[in-house]
Amino acid sequence: MKKLLLGLLVALSISGYSQKKTVHVNEIYDDVNSLTVIDTVFEVDSTTTKELKNRFNNWGGTNYRNYKNVKTSETVNQVVIDYITNSFGVLDMYVRITASFKDNKVRLQVTDMGNVYKYIASPGVSIPARLYNVKSYFFKNNQITYKVKPNVFNSKEKQGNGALNYRRDIMSTVISINKGLLINNITSNDDW
């Protein structure tokens, strides 16, 4: 009887650690076909196009040491930023933020631009830049299904969690941009 209970307890504890989880590609992208991770519009009351663009550029200058290098395009009503994130965990990825400005509105489109070039010394293989997107890891039925196995290397788990981390990191950036757009940059008249 004791052996049966012990066997049952071990089986239950093992099955508890090997729960299946599924990450769907639609959890990562707003539009899978165009690889758009986030497409959103922020409304900022009583603010001109010029002021919104200025606030966005101030946000960029504060959040990127080399903002001049990551800002790849700027027109009267649009700014494009290309940067690299390592939040996916499998490969570093290029991300593009396109900010379009109108009076009282900013549209942000964040796009997955593919992986960064990587050389793997051990087998002597290189992975060309922009060959893979996060979407590339969603093979069967546009989802990643894996078993949770604590303390065991599991590539599917790394890819699934990495995709979710990638989305969270981009969402955090978009929230930061929204906060930057809401800041009024008018200086006070104190003589500091």
Foldseek 3Di string as FASTA:
>chain_A
DVVVVVVVVVVVVVVVQFDKDKDFLVLQCVDVVQQWRDKDKAFAPPAAQQLLVVLLVVLLVVPDVPSVVQFPDDDSFKTKGWDWDCLLVPFIWIKIWIWGTHGRMIIITIGTQFGDWDADPPVRDIDHTSPDTLQNLQPPPRMQMGTRHPPDDDVSVSSRSSSVSVSVVVVVVVVSSSVSSNDDPDDDPDDD
